[in-house]
Amino acid sequence: MDIEKFSELLQLVESELHGSFNRVRYAMNNYVISVGAYVQDLNAKAKLVAAKIGKVNVDVGETVCKVLEALAYIEKTKKMGRLGKKKKQARC
C-alpha cells in the first residue's frame, strides 16, 4: 500500500471536506473511517483529521441513512480489537 498517498488524501479531506457537495462529503468521511480503521500506520493521523472535521452533515433526503461520526467509529473499531483487520466478506 502507498502510505504516503493515503496520507496526502487525508490532508485533502481535511482541507476540502466542508466545502464539497453532499455525496463527496459522505465519501470523504467514509474514507477517513476506512483509513483509520484498516491502515494501522495512519490510525493516529486519521483520528486527528476526524477530530478536526468533526461531525459531517449530509442531506440524505427522507431515508433512514445515517452519517457515521468518524472519530467515534475509529475508536469503536479499536475497542472491538479490529484495528488493521480487513473484513473477510463484503455484503451488499
PDB file of N, CA and C in Angstrom:
ATOM      1  N   MET A   1       0.840  -1.186   0.000  1.00  0.00           N
ATOM      2  CA  MET A   1       0.000   0.000   0.000  1.00  0.00           C
ATOM      3  C   MET A   1       0.878   1.240   0.000  1.00  0.00           C
ATOM      4  N   ASP A   2       0.416   2.253  -0.667  1.00  0.00           N
ATOM      5  CA  ASP A   2       1.149   3.506  -0.744  1.00  0.00           C
ATOM      6  C   ASP A   2       0.706   4.416   0.407  1.00  0.00           C
ATOM      7  N   ILE A   3       1.379   4.278   1.541  1.00  0.00           N
ATOM      8  CA  ILE A   3       1.020   5.004   2.765  1.00  0.00           C
ATOM      9  C   ILE A   3       1.091   6.510   2.556  1.00  0.00           C
ATOM     10  N   GLU A   4       2.082   6.976   1.806  1.00  0.00           N
ATOM     11  CA  GLU A   4       2.222   8.419   1.567  1.00  0.00           C
ATOM     12  C   GLU A   4       1.040   8.977   0.789  1.00  0.00           C
ATOM     13  N   LYS A   5       0.554   8.215  -0.182  1.00  0.00           N
ATOM     14  CA  LYS A   5      -0.596   8.666  -0.968  1.00  0.00           C
ATOM     15  C   LYS A   5      -1.848   8.729  -0.085  1.00  0.00           C
ATOM     16  N   PHE A   6      -2.032   7.723   0.754  1.00  0.00           N
ATOM     17  CA  PHE A   6      -3.168   7.740   1.678  1.00  0.00           C
ATOM     18  C   PHE A   6      -3.090   8.936   2.615  1.00  0.00           C
ATOM     19  N   SER A   7      -1.882   9.251   3.062  1.00  0.00           N
ATOM     20  CA  SER A   7      -1.667  10.388   3.951  1.00  0.00           C
ATOM     21  C   SER A   7      -1.990  11.706   3.249  1.00  0.00           C
ATOM     22  N   GLU A   8      -1.567  11.826   1.999  1.00  0.00           N
ATOM     23  CA  GLU A   8      -1.879  13.032   1.216  1.00  0.00           C
ATOM     24  C   GLU A   8      -3.389  13.190   1.045  1.00  0.00           C
ATOM     25  N   LEU A   9      -4.080  12.083   0.799  1.00  0.00           N
ATOM     26  CA  LEU A   9      -5.526  12.146   0.632  1.00  0.00           C
ATOM     27  C   LEU A   9      -6.223  12.530   1.935  1.00  0.00           C
ATOM     28  N   LEU A  10      -5.678  12.107   3.071  1.00  0.00           N
ATOM     29  CA  LEU A  10      -6.235  12.539   4.360  1.00  0.00           C
ATOM     30  C   LEU A  10      -6.121  14.054   4.506  1.00  0.00           C
ATOM     31  N   GLN A  11      -4.977  14.606   4.101  1.00  0.00           N
ATOM     32  CA  GLN A  11      -4.778  16.066   4.155  1.00  0.00           C
ATOM     33  C   GLN A  11      -5.804  16.768   3.260  1.00  0.00           C
ATOM     34  N   LEU A  12      -6.037  16.200   2.074  1.00  0.00           N
ATOM     35  CA  LEU A  12      -7.010  16.774   1.142  1.00  0.00           C
ATOM     36  C   LEU A  12      -8.410  16.758   1.743  1.00  0.00           C
ATOM     37  N   VAL A  13      -8.769  15.668   2.374  1.00  0.00           N
ATOM     38  CA  VAL A  13     -10.082  15.571   3.026  1.00  0.00           C
ATOM     39  C   VAL A  13     -10.217  16.643   4.096  1.00  0.00           C
ATOM     40  N   GLU A  14      -9.183  16.794   4.892  1.00  0.00           N
ATOM     41  CA  GLU A  14      -9.220  17.785   5.979  1.00  0.00           C
ATOM     42  C   GLU A  14      -9.451  19.193   5.446  1.00  0.00           C
ATOM     43  N   SER A  15      -8.820  19.523   4.338  1.00  0.00           N
ATOM     44  CA  SER A  15      -8.911  20.892   3.828  1.00  0.00           C
ATOM     45  C   SER A  15     -10.157  21.153   2.985  1.00  0.00           C
ATOM     46  N   GLU A  16     -10.714  20.118   2.341  1.00  0.00           N
ATOM     47  CA  GLU A  16     -11.791  20.367   1.382  1.00  0.00           C
ATOM     48  C   GLU A  16     -13.148  19.760   1.729  1.00  0.00           C
ATOM     49  N   LEU A  17     -13.245  19.018   2.801  1.00  0.00           N
ATOM     50  CA  LEU A  17     -14.483  18.307   3.096  1.00  0.00           C
ATOM     51  C   LEU A  17     -15.687  19.232   3.232  1.00  0.00           C
ATOM     52  N   HIS A  18     -15.586  20.245   4.055  1.00  0.00           N
ATOM     53  CA  HIS A  18     -16.767  21.061   4.363  1.00  0.00           C
ATOM     54  C   HIS A  18     -17.215  21.949   3.212  1.00  0.00           C
ATOM     55  N   GLY A  19     -16.399  22.125   2.205  1.00  0.00           N
ATOM     56  CA  GLY A  19     -16.805  22.924   1.049  1.00  0.00           C
ATOM     57  C   GLY A  19     -17.277  22.089  -0.119  1.00  0.00           C
ATOM     58  N   SER A  20     -17.420  20.785   0.079  1.00  0.00           N
ATOM     59  CA  SER A  20     -17.770  19.870  -1.009  1.00  0.00           C
ATOM     60  C   SER A  20     -19.270  19.583  -1.047  1.00  0.00           C
ATOM     61  N   PHE A  21     -19.681  18.936  -2.128  1.00  0.00           N
ATOM     62  CA  PHE A  21     -21.075  18.533  -2.288  1.00  0.00           C
ATOM     63  C   PHE A  21     -21.415  17.403  -1.328  1.00  0.00           C
ATOM     64  N   ASN A  22     -22.718  17.159  -1.130  1.00  0.00           N
ATOM     65  CA  ASN A  22     -23.202  16.141  -0.197  1.00  0.00           C
ATOM     66  C   ASN A  22     -22.540  14.785  -0.392  1.00  0.00           C
ATOM     67  N   ARG A  23     -22.634  14.248  -1.588  1.00  0.00           N
ATOM     68  CA  ARG A  23     -22.126  12.900  -1.857  1.00  0.00           C
ATOM     69  C   ARG A  23     -20.611  12.830  -1.639  1.00  0.00           C
ATOM     70  N   VAL A  24     -19.915  13.889  -1.983  1.00  0.00           N
ATOM     71  CA  VAL A  24     -18.460  13.935  -1.805  1.00  0.00           C
ATOM     72  C   VAL A  24     -18.118  13.976  -0.318  1.00  0.00           C
ATOM     73  N   ARG A  25     -18.851  14.767   0.471  1.00  0.00           N
ATOM     74  CA  ARG A  25     -18.630  14.805   1.926  1.00  0.00           C
ATOM     75  C   ARG A  25     -18.836  13.429   2.545  1.00  0.00           C
ATOM     76  N   TYR A  26     -19.879  12.743   2.100  1.00  0.00           N
ATOM     77  CA  TYR A  26     -20.178  11.414   2.602  1.00  0.00           C
ATOM     78  C   TYR A  26     -19.026  10.450   2.289  1.00  0.00           C
ATOM     79  N   ALA A  27     -18.531  10.484   1.057  1.00  0.00           N
ATOM     80  CA  ALA A  27     -17.433   9.602   0.646  1.00  0.00           C
ATOM     81  C   ALA A  27     -16.141   9.947   1.383  1.00  0.00           C
ATOM     82  N   MET A  28     -15.860  11.234   1.563  1.00  0.00           N
ATOM     83  CA  MET A  28     -14.647  11.647   2.274  1.00  0.00           C
ATOM     84  C   MET A  28     -14.693  11.201   3.731  1.00  0.00           C
ATOM     85  N   ASN A  29     -15.837  11.324   4.355  1.00  0.00           N
ATOM     86  CA  ASN A  29     -15.994  10.886   5.740  1.00  0.00           C
ATOM     87  C   ASN A  29     -15.749   9.379   5.846  1.00  0.00           C
ATOM     88  N   ASN A  30     -16.299   8.615   4.916  1.00  0.00           N
ATOM     89  CA  ASN A  30     -16.085   7.167   4.905  1.00  0.00           C
ATOM     90  C   ASN A  30     -14.621   6.817   4.647  1.00  0.00           C
ATOM     91  N   TYR A  31     -13.919   7.626   3.851  1.00  0.00           N
ATOM     92  CA  TYR A  31     -12.500   7.400   3.602  1.00  0.00           C
ATOM     93  C   TYR A  31     -11.697   7.542   4.899  1.00  0.00           C
ATOM     94  N   VAL A  32     -11.998   8.586   5.663  1.00  0.00           N
ATOM     95  CA  VAL A  32     -11.299   8.793   6.936  1.00  0.00           C
ATOM     96  C   VAL A  32     -11.538   7.604   7.864  1.00  0.00           C
ATOM     97  N   ILE A  33     -12.768   7.122   7.911  1.00  0.00           N
ATOM     98  CA  ILE A  33     -13.088   5.961   8.740  1.00  0.00           C
ATOM     99  C   ILE A  33     -12.312   4.739   8.263  1.00  0.00           C
ATOM    100  N   SER A  34     -12.294   4.502   6.974  1.00  0.00           N
ATOM    101  CA  SER A  34     -11.611   3.328   6.434  1.00  0.00           C
ATOM    102  C   SER A  34     -10.118   3.353   6.708  1.00  0.00           C
ATOM    103  N   VAL A  35      -9.495   4.496   6.481  1.00  0.00           N
ATOM    104  CA  VAL A  35      -8.055   4.605   6.729  1.00  0.00           C
ATOM    105  C   VAL A  35      -7.767   4.445   8.217  1.00  0.00           C
ATOM    106  N   GLY A  36      -8.554   5.068   9.048  1.00  0.00           N
ATOM    107  CA  GLY A  36      -8.344   4.977  10.492  1.00  0.00           C
ATOM    108  C   GLY A  36      -8.536   3.586  11.044  1.00  0.00           C
ATOM    109  N   ALA A  37      -9.452   2.828  10.441  1.00  0.00           N
ATOM    110  CA  ALA A  37      -9.761   1.501  10.956  1.00  0.00           C
ATOM    111  C   ALA A  37      -8.889   0.399  10.357  1.00  0.00           C
ATOM    112  N   TYR A  38      -8.428   0.576   9.127  1.00  0.00           N
ATOM    113  CA  TYR A  38      -7.755  -0.526   8.449  1.00  0.00           C
ATOM    114  C   TYR A  38      -6.279  -0.303   8.129  1.00  0.00           C
ATOM    115  N   VAL A  39      -5.777   0.911   8.252  1.00  0.00           N
ATOM    116  CA  VAL A  39      -4.360   1.175   7.984  1.00  0.00           C
ATOM    117  C   VAL A  39      -3.715   1.597   9.306  1.00  0.00           C
ATOM    118  N   GLN A  40      -3.055   0.651   9.960  1.00  0.00           N
ATOM    119  CA  GLN A  40      -2.519   0.918  11.294  1.00  0.00           C
ATOM    120  C   GLN A  40      -1.499   2.052  11.309  1.00  0.00           C
ATOM    121  N   ASP A  41      -0.702   2.183  10.257  1.00  0.00           N
ATOM    122  CA  ASP A  41       0.316   3.234  10.215  1.00  0.00           C
ATOM    123  C   ASP A  41      -0.283   4.636  10.202  1.00  0.00           C
ATOM    124  N   LEU A  42      -1.499   4.754   9.728  1.00  0.00           N
ATOM    125  CA  LEU A  42      -2.139   6.072   9.635  1.00  0.00           C
ATOM    126  C   LEU A  42      -3.293   6.246  10.619  1.00  0.00           C
ATOM    127  N   ASN A  43      -3.422   5.358  11.570  1.00  0.00           N
ATOM    128  CA  ASN A  43      -4.519   5.440  12.527  1.00  0.00           C
ATOM    129  C   ASN A  43      -4.504   6.751  13.300  1.00  0.00           C
ATOM    130  N   ALA A  44      -3.346   7.129  13.814  1.00  0.00           N
ATOM    131  CA  ALA A  44      -3.257   8.356  14.610  1.00  0.00           C
ATOM    132  C   ALA A  44      -3.573   9.590  13.769  1.00  0.00           C
ATOM    133  N   LYS A  45      -3.069   9.622  12.539  1.00  0.00           N
ATOM    134  CA  LYS A  45      -3.335  10.767  11.669  1.00  0.00           C
ATOM    135  C   LYS A  45      -4.808  10.831  11.290  1.00  0.00           C
ATOM    136  N   ALA A  46      -5.402   9.685  11.019  1.00  0.00           N
ATOM    137  CA  ALA A  46      -6.826   9.657  10.675  1.00  0.00           C
ATOM    138  C   ALA A  46      -7.677  10.146  11.844  1.00  0.00           C
ATOM    139  N   LYS A  47      -7.284   9.793  13.072  1.00  0.00           N
ATOM    140  CA  LYS A  47      -8.029  10.272  14.245  1.00  0.00           C
ATOM    141  C   LYS A  47      -7.896  11.786  14.396  1.00  0.00           C
ATOM    142  N   LEU A  48      -6.726  12.329  14.095  1.00  0.00           N
ATOM    143  CA  LEU A  48      -6.557  13.783  14.146  1.00  0.00           C
ATOM    144  C   LEU A  48      -7.433  14.470  13.104  1.00  0.00           C
ATOM    145  N   VAL A  49      -7.440  13.930  11.901  1.00  0.00           N
ATOM    146  CA  VAL A  49      -8.275  14.502  10.837  1.00  0.00           C
ATOM    147  C   VAL A  49      -9.745  14.387  11.215  1.00  0.00           C
ATOM    148  N   ALA A  50     -10.149  13.255  11.759  1.00  0.00           N
ATOM    149  CA  ALA A  50     -11.541  13.058  12.167  1.00  0.00           C
ATOM    150  C   ALA A  50     -11.935  14.058  13.246  1.00  0.00           C
ATOM    151  N   ALA A  51     -11.037  14.322  14.173  1.00  0.00           N
ATOM    152  CA  ALA A  51     -11.320  15.300  15.231  1.00  0.00           C
ATOM    153  C   ALA A  51     -11.461  16.702  14.646  1.00  0.00           C
ATOM    154  N   LYS A  52     -10.622  17.033  13.667  1.00  0.00           N
ATOM    155  CA  LYS A  52     -10.681  18.369  13.063  1.00  0.00           C
ATOM    156  C   LYS A  52     -11.933  18.573  12.217  1.00  0.00           C
ATOM    157  N   ILE A  53     -12.355  17.545  11.474  1.00  0.00           N
ATOM    158  CA  ILE A  53     -13.536  17.727  10.628  1.00  0.00           C
ATOM    159  C   ILE A  53     -14.817  17.640  11.441  1.00  0.00           C
ATOM    160  N   GLY A  54     -14.780  16.941  12.559  1.00  0.00           N
ATOM    161  CA  GLY A  54     -15.953  16.861  13.423  1.00  0.00           C
ATOM    162  C   GLY A  54     -17.091  16.090  12.794  1.00  0.00           C
ATOM    163  N   LYS A  55     -18.305  16.414  13.213  1.00  0.00           N
ATOM    164  CA  LYS A  55     -19.492  15.752  12.672  1.00  0.00           C
ATOM    165  C   LYS A  55     -19.772  16.292  11.280  1.00  0.00           C
ATOM    166  N   VAL A  56     -19.933  15.408  10.342  1.00  0.00           N
ATOM    167  CA  VAL A  56     -20.175  15.778   8.946  1.00  0.00           C
ATOM    168  C   VAL A  56     -21.674  15.749   8.690  1.00  0.00           C
ATOM    169  N   ASN A  57     -22.193  16.853   8.184  1.00  0.00           N
ATOM    170  CA  ASN A  57     -23.618  16.946   7.876  1.00  0.00           C
ATOM    171  C   ASN A  57     -23.837  16.696   6.394  1.00  0.00           C
ATOM    172  N   VAL A  58     -24.683  15.709   6.096  1.00  0.00           N
ATOM    173  CA  VAL A  58     -25.015  15.350   4.725  1.00  0.00           C
ATOM    174  C   VAL A  58     -26.527  15.228   4.637  1.00  0.00           C
ATOM    175  N   ASP A  59     -27.113  15.843   3.628  1.00  0.00           N
ATOM    176  CA  ASP A  59     -28.546  15.735   3.418  1.00  0.00           C
ATOM    177  C   ASP A  59     -28.810  14.419   2.694  1.00  0.00           C
ATOM    178  N   VAL A  60     -29.373  13.454   3.402  1.00  0.00           N
ATOM    179  CA  VAL A  60     -29.658  12.143   2.820  1.00  0.00           C
ATOM    180  C   VAL A  60     -31.121  12.012   2.413  1.00  0.00           C
ATOM    181  N   GLY A  61     -31.811  13.120   2.386  1.00  0.00           N
ATOM    182  CA  GLY A  61     -33.206  13.110   1.984  1.00  0.00           C
ATOM    183  C   GLY A  61     -34.084  12.503   3.058  1.00  0.00           C
ATOM    184  N   GLU A  62     -35.126  11.816   2.628  1.00  0.00           N
ATOM    185  CA  GLU A  62     -36.074  11.220   3.562  1.00  0.00           C
ATOM    186  C   GLU A  62     -35.785   9.739   3.773  1.00  0.00           C
ATOM    187  N   THR A  63     -34.519   9.385   3.784  1.00  0.00           N
ATOM    188  CA  THR A  63     -34.131   7.993   4.004  1.00  0.00           C
ATOM    189  C   THR A  63     -33.752   7.793   5.459  1.00  0.00           C
ATOM    190  N   VAL A  64     -33.503   6.552   5.835  1.00  0.00           N
ATOM    191  CA  VAL A  64     -33.078   6.253   7.196  1.00  0.00           C
ATOM    192  C   VAL A  64     -31.554   6.183   7.303  1.00  0.00           C
ATOM    193  N   CYS A  65     -30.869   6.565   6.242  1.00  0.00           N
ATOM    194  CA  CYS A  65     -29.401   6.526   6.235  1.00  0.00           C
ATOM    195  C   CYS A  65     -28.842   7.500   7.264  1.00  0.00           C
ATOM    196  N   LYS A  66     -27.716   7.096   7.871  1.00  0.00           N
ATOM    197  CA  LYS A  66     -27.035   7.954   8.837  1.00  0.00           C
ATOM    198  C   LYS A  66     -25.607   8.175   8.368  1.00  0.00           C
ATOM    199  N   VAL A  67     -25.044   9.294   8.779  1.00  0.00           N
ATOM    200  CA  VAL A  67     -23.640   9.580   8.513  1.00  0.00           C
ATOM    201  C   VAL A  67     -22.883   9.291   9.810  1.00  0.00           C
ATOM    202  N   LEU A  68     -21.951   8.363   9.733  1.00  0.00           N
ATOM    203  CA  LEU A  68     -21.198   7.972  10.918  1.00  0.00           C
ATOM    204  C   LEU A  68     -20.231   9.072  11.332  1.00  0.00           C
ATOM    205  N   GLU A  69     -20.045   9.226  12.624  1.00  0.00           N
ATOM    206  CA  GLU A  69     -19.041  10.160  13.120  1.00  0.00           C
ATOM    207  C   GLU A  69     -17.698   9.427  13.097  1.00  0.00           C
ATOM    208  N   ALA A  70     -16.765   9.948  12.319  1.00  0.00           N
ATOM    209  CA  ALA A  70     -15.516   9.244  12.024  1.00  0.00           C
ATOM    210  C   ALA A  70     -14.711   8.891  13.272  1.00  0.00           C
ATOM    211  N   LEU A  71     -14.487   9.833  14.149  1.00  0.00           N
ATOM    212  CA  LEU A  71     -13.649   9.587  15.317  1.00  0.00           C
ATOM    213  C   LEU A  71     -14.262   8.516  16.220  1.00  0.00           C
ATOM    214  N   ALA A  72     -15.551   8.599  16.445  1.00  0.00           N
ATOM    215  CA  ALA A  72     -16.234   7.614  17.297  1.00  0.00           C
ATOM    216  C   ALA A  72     -16.169   6.224  16.675  1.00  0.00           C
ATOM    217  N   TYR A  73     -16.317   6.135  15.372  1.00  0.00           N
ATOM    218  CA  TYR A  73     -16.306   4.831  14.720  1.00  0.00           C
ATOM    219  C   TYR A  73     -14.908   4.211  14.720  1.00  0.00           C
ATOM    220  N   ILE A  74     -13.873   5.033  14.531  1.00  0.00           N
ATOM    221  CA  ILE A  74     -12.497   4.525  14.592  1.00  0.00           C
ATOM    222  C   ILE A  74     -12.206   4.002  15.999  1.00  0.00           C
ATOM    223  N   GLU A  75     -12.620   4.736  17.014  1.00  0.00           N
ATOM    224  CA  GLU A  75     -12.420   4.293  18.398  1.00  0.00           C
ATOM    225  C   GLU A  75     -13.182   3.004  18.680  1.00  0.00           C
ATOM    226  N   LYS A  76     -14.393   2.894  18.140  1.00  0.00           N
ATOM    227  CA  LYS A  76     -15.201   1.690  18.322  1.00  0.00           C
ATOM    228  C   LYS A  76     -14.492   0.484  17.698  1.00  0.00           C
ATOM    229  N   THR A  77     -13.912   0.677  16.523  1.00  0.00           N
ATOM    230  CA  THR A  77     -13.175  -0.395  15.854  1.00  0.00           C
ATOM    231  C   THR A  77     -11.995  -0.847  16.703  1.00  0.00           C
ATOM    232  N   LYS A  78     -11.312   0.112  17.319  1.00  0.00           N
ATOM    233  CA  LYS A  78     -10.167  -0.216  18.171  1.00  0.00           C
ATOM    234  C   LYS A  78     -10.611  -0.990  19.409  1.00  0.00           C
ATOM    235  N   LYS A  79     -11.707  -0.565  20.033  1.00  0.00           N
ATOM    236  CA  LYS A  79     -12.209  -1.243  21.229  1.00  0.00           C
ATOM    237  C   LYS A  79     -12.631  -2.681  20.941  1.00  0.00           C
ATOM    238  N   MET A  80     -13.127  -2.931  19.739  1.00  0.00           N
ATOM    239  CA  MET A  80     -13.552  -4.278  19.371  1.00  0.00           C
ATOM    240  C   MET A  80     -12.368  -5.155  18.958  1.00  0.00           C
ATOM    241  N   GLY A  81     -11.173  -4.583  18.889  1.00  0.00           N
ATOM    242  CA  GLY A  81      -9.992  -5.360  18.523  1.00  0.00           C
ATOM    243  C   GLY A  81      -9.866  -5.624  17.041  1.00  0.00           C
ATOM    244  N   ARG A  82     -10.488  -4.804  16.219  1.00  0.00           N
ATOM    245  CA  ARG A  82     -10.467  -4.995  14.768  1.00  0.00           C
ATOM    246  C   ARG A  82      -9.561  -4.016  14.043  1.00  0.00           C
ATOM    247  N   LEU A  83      -8.784  -3.271  14.761  1.00  0.00           N
ATOM    248  CA  LEU A  83      -7.923  -2.270  14.151  1.00  0.00           C
ATOM    249  C   LEU A  83      -6.907  -2.934  13.229  1.00  0.00           C
ATOM    250  N   GLY A  84      -6.913  -2.559  11.972  1.00  0.00           N
ATOM    251  CA  GLY A  84      -5.981  -3.106  10.996  1.00  0.00           C
ATOM    252  C   GLY A  84      -6.412  -4.406  10.367  1.00  0.00           C
ATOM    253  N   LYS A  85      -7.565  -4.925  10.730  1.00  0.00           N
ATOM    254  CA  LYS A  85      -8.041  -6.187  10.163  1.00  0.00           C
ATOM    255  C   LYS A  85      -9.119  -5.905   9.117  1.00  0.00           C
ATOM    256  N   LYS A  86      -8.938  -6.464   7.954  1.00  0.00           N
ATOM    257  CA  LYS A  86      -9.924  -6.311   6.897  1.00  0.00           C
ATOM    258  C   LYS A  86     -11.065  -7.296   7.104  1.00  0.00           C
ATOM    259  N   LYS A  87     -12.212  -6.935   6.614  1.00  0.00           N
ATOM    260  CA  LYS A  87     -13.356  -7.843   6.674  1.00  0.00           C
ATOM    261  C   LYS A  87     -13.141  -8.975   5.681  1.00  0.00           C
ATOM    262  N   LYS A  88     -13.619 -10.153   6.026  1.00  0.00           N
ATOM    263  CA  LYS A  88     -13.437 -11.310   5.156  1.00  0.00           C
ATOM    264  C   LYS A  88     -14.420 -11.320   4.013  1.00  0.00           C
ATOM    265  N   GLN A  89     -15.599 -10.742   4.213  1.00  0.00           N
ATOM    266  CA  GLN A  89     -16.628 -10.724   3.179  1.00  0.00           C
ATOM    267  C   GLN A  89     -17.182  -9.324   3.027  1.00  0.00           C
ATOM    268  N   ALA A  90     -17.539  -9.012   1.800  1.00  0.00           N
ATOM    269  CA  ALA A  90     -18.260  -7.773   1.542  1.00  0.00           C
ATOM    270  C   ALA A  90     -19.720  -8.143   1.347  1.00  0.00           C
ATOM    271  N   ARG A  91     -20.586  -7.455   2.030  1.00  0.00           N
ATOM    272  CA  ARG A  91     -22.012  -7.736   1.902  1.00  0.00           C
ATOM    273  C   ARG A  91     -22.703  -6.534   1.313  1.00  0.00           C
ATOM    274  N   CYS A  92     -23.547  -6.812   0.361  1.00  0.00           N
ATOM    275  CA  CYS A  92     -24.285  -5.733  -0.296  1.00  0.00           C
ATOM    276  C   CYS A  92     -25.737  -5.774   0.104  1.00  0.00           C
TER     277      CYS A  92
END
